[in-house]
């Protein structure tokens, strides 16, 4: 994996918020196109879905969704989908919203992924009135 990519991921834990945000922004732009280092970071991103830090959980979900869309030829997202989906129920409204706003990208990977996303979103829409943050889902 390129040194620049490693540095950008490392900067996501930077105390300087400007450096952290700039690294996040650059990585999000990079993952909008196919990359060859997906599986070098995949497991670490899956772990980050359960970190105590809400920003880390949201970023992990966003990166995994974007990587699944264009850079997951092994279709690992199918095995890890429920872990990503769990973040859409996060106790933090902001974290849950960011995961929900990113999850659709998984559907770009292929028909199986698209059917999976549509079925989960449809069920969620039907049941969201029982949630604490039901307005979050209805607004999307």
Protein backbone atom coordinates (compact mmCIF):
# COMPACT_ATOMS: atom_id res chain seq x y z
CA UNK A 1 0.00 0.00 0.00
CA UNK A 2 1.22 3.49 -0.80
CA UNK A 3 2.92 5.48 1.94
CA UNK A 4 0.51 8.38 1.36
CA UNK A 5 -2.54 6.17 1.99
CA UNK A 6 -1.02 4.77 5.19
CA UNK A 7 -0.29 8.29 6.36
CA UNK A 8 -3.83 9.46 5.62
CA UNK A 9 -5.31 6.58 7.62
CA UNK A 10 -2.86 7.28 10.43
CA UNK A 11 -3.88 10.94 10.45
CA UNK A 12 -7.48 9.95 11.22
CA UNK A 13 -6.42 9.62 14.85
CA UNK A 14 -4.61 12.95 14.84
CA UNK A 15 -5.48 15.38 17.64
CA UNK A 16 -5.30 18.29 15.24
CA UNK A 17 -8.85 18.34 13.84
CA UNK A 18 -7.78 20.11 10.65
CA UNK A 19 -5.27 17.38 9.81
CA UNK A 20 -7.79 14.70 10.75
CA UNK A 21 -10.56 16.20 8.61
CA UNK A 22 -8.29 16.89 5.64
CA UNK A 23 -7.11 13.26 5.70
CA UNK A 24 -10.70 12.03 5.91
CA UNK A 25 -11.71 14.26 3.01
CA UNK A 26 -8.80 13.07 0.85
CA UNK A 27 -9.49 9.41 1.60
CA UNK A 28 -13.18 9.79 0.80
CA UNK A 29 -12.24 11.31 -2.55
CA UNK A 30 -9.73 8.53 -3.28
CA UNK A 31 -12.19 5.70 -2.51
CA UNK A 32 -14.72 7.06 -4.99
CA UNK A 33 -12.56 5.35 -7.63
CA UNK A 34 -11.32 1.74 -7.64
CA UNK A 35 -8.28 1.13 -5.42
CA UNK A 36 -6.02 -1.89 -5.09
CA UNK A 37 -5.40 -1.67 -1.33
CA UNK A 38 -8.94 -2.41 -0.09
CA UNK A 39 -8.09 -5.64 1.67
CA UNK A 40 -5.03 -4.12 3.35
CA UNK A 41 -7.39 -1.94 5.43
CA UNK A 42 -10.65 -3.93 5.35
CA UNK A 43 -10.29 -5.88 8.62
CA UNK A 44 -9.13 -2.81 10.52
CA UNK A 45 -12.15 -0.87 9.26
CA UNK A 46 -14.48 -3.70 10.30
CA UNK A 47 -12.93 -3.59 13.80
CA UNK A 48 -13.39 0.18 13.90
CA UNK A 49 -17.16 -0.28 13.50
CA UNK A 50 -17.23 -1.17 17.22
CA UNK A 51 -14.77 1.39 18.61
CA UNK A 52 -15.89 3.64 21.46
CA UNK A 53 -15.33 6.73 19.32
CA UNK A 54 -18.41 7.62 17.26
CA UNK A 55 -16.31 9.42 14.64
CA UNK A 56 -14.25 6.26 14.12
CA UNK A 57 -17.40 4.12 13.78
CA UNK A 58 -18.95 6.50 11.26
CA UNK A 59 -15.77 6.82 9.21
CA UNK A 60 -15.29 3.05 9.15
CA UNK A 61 -18.83 2.56 7.88
CA UNK A 62 -18.39 5.27 5.25
CA UNK A 63 -15.07 3.86 4.01
CA UNK A 64 -16.37 0.29 3.91
CA UNK A 65 -19.46 1.33 1.95
CA UNK A 66 -17.39 3.28 -0.57
CA UNK A 67 -14.81 0.51 -0.92
CA UNK A 68 -17.56 -2.09 -1.35
CA UNK A 69 -19.01 -0.09 -4.24
CA UNK A 70 -15.93 -0.10 -6.46
CA UNK A 71 -13.09 -2.06 -4.88
CA UNK A 72 -14.46 -5.28 -3.38
CA UNK A 73 -14.11 -7.98 -6.07
CA UNK A 74 -14.15 -10.70 -3.38
CA UNK A 75 -17.53 -9.36 -2.19
CA UNK A 76 -16.43 -9.30 1.45
CA UNK A 77 -19.14 -6.78 2.13
CA UNK A 78 -21.66 -9.62 1.97
CA UNK A 79 -19.98 -11.22 5.00
CA UNK A 80 -19.61 -7.95 6.89
CA UNK A 81 -22.83 -6.22 5.90
CA UNK A 82 -24.59 -6.77 9.23
CA UNK A 83 -21.66 -5.20 11.08
CA UNK A 84 -21.94 -2.11 8.89
CA UNK A 85 -25.74 -2.11 9.16
CA UNK A 86 -25.47 -2.18 12.98
CA UNK A 87 -23.86 1.28 12.86
CA UNK A 88 -27.08 2.66 11.34
CA UNK A 89 -28.64 1.90 14.76
CA UNK A 90 -25.82 3.65 16.64
CA UNK A 91 -26.61 5.34 19.93
CA UNK A 92 -25.13 8.53 18.47
CA UNK A 93 -27.61 10.13 16.10
CA UNK A 94 -24.79 11.67 14.05
CA UNK A 95 -22.95 8.36 13.68
CA UNK A 96 -26.15 6.55 12.70
CA UNK A 97 -27.02 9.25 10.17
CA UNK A 98 -23.59 9.15 8.54
CA UNK A 99 -23.76 5.37 8.20
CA UNK A 100 -27.27 5.54 6.72
CA UNK A 101 -26.20 8.20 4.25
CA UNK A 102 -23.33 6.00 3.04
CA UNK A 103 -24.95 2.55 3.01
CA UNK A 104 -26.59 2.91 -0.42
CA UNK A 105 -23.16 2.81 -2.06
CA UNK A 106 -22.93 -0.91 -1.34
CA UNK A 107 -25.73 -1.39 -3.86
CA UNK A 108 -23.48 -0.11 -6.64
CA UNK A 109 -21.30 -3.22 -6.37
CA UNK A 110 -23.77 -5.56 -8.07
CA UNK A 111 -27.28 -7.00 -8.14
CA UNK A 112 -26.85 -9.16 -5.02
CA UNK A 113 -25.62 -6.17 -3.03
CA UNK A 114 -28.36 -3.95 -4.45
CA UNK A 115 -31.07 -6.44 -3.50
CA UNK A 116 -29.60 -6.73 -0.01
CA UNK A 117 -29.55 -2.97 0.54
CA UNK A 118 -33.05 -2.43 -0.85
CA UNK A 119 -34.51 -5.18 1.33
CA UNK A 120 -32.88 -3.85 4.51
CA UNK A 121 -33.81 -0.24 3.77
CA UNK A 122 -37.42 -1.19 2.94
CA UNK A 123 -37.80 -3.13 6.17
CA UNK A 124 -36.16 -0.32 8.13
CA UNK A 125 -38.54 2.22 6.65
CA UNK A 126 -41.51 0.10 7.69
CA UNK A 127 -40.27 -0.34 11.26
CA UNK A 128 -38.48 2.95 11.96
CA UNK A 129 -41.39 4.49 13.86
CA UNK A 130 -40.45 2.26 16.81
CA UNK A 131 -36.94 3.74 16.96
CA UNK A 132 -35.68 6.60 19.11
CA UNK A 133 -34.49 8.50 16.05
CA UNK A 134 -37.22 7.58 13.58
CA UNK A 135 -37.06 11.06 12.05
CA UNK A 136 -33.47 10.38 11.11
CA UNK A 137 -34.52 7.59 8.79
CA UNK A 138 -37.57 9.32 7.38
CA UNK A 139 -35.47 12.39 6.49
CA UNK A 140 -32.97 10.46 4.37
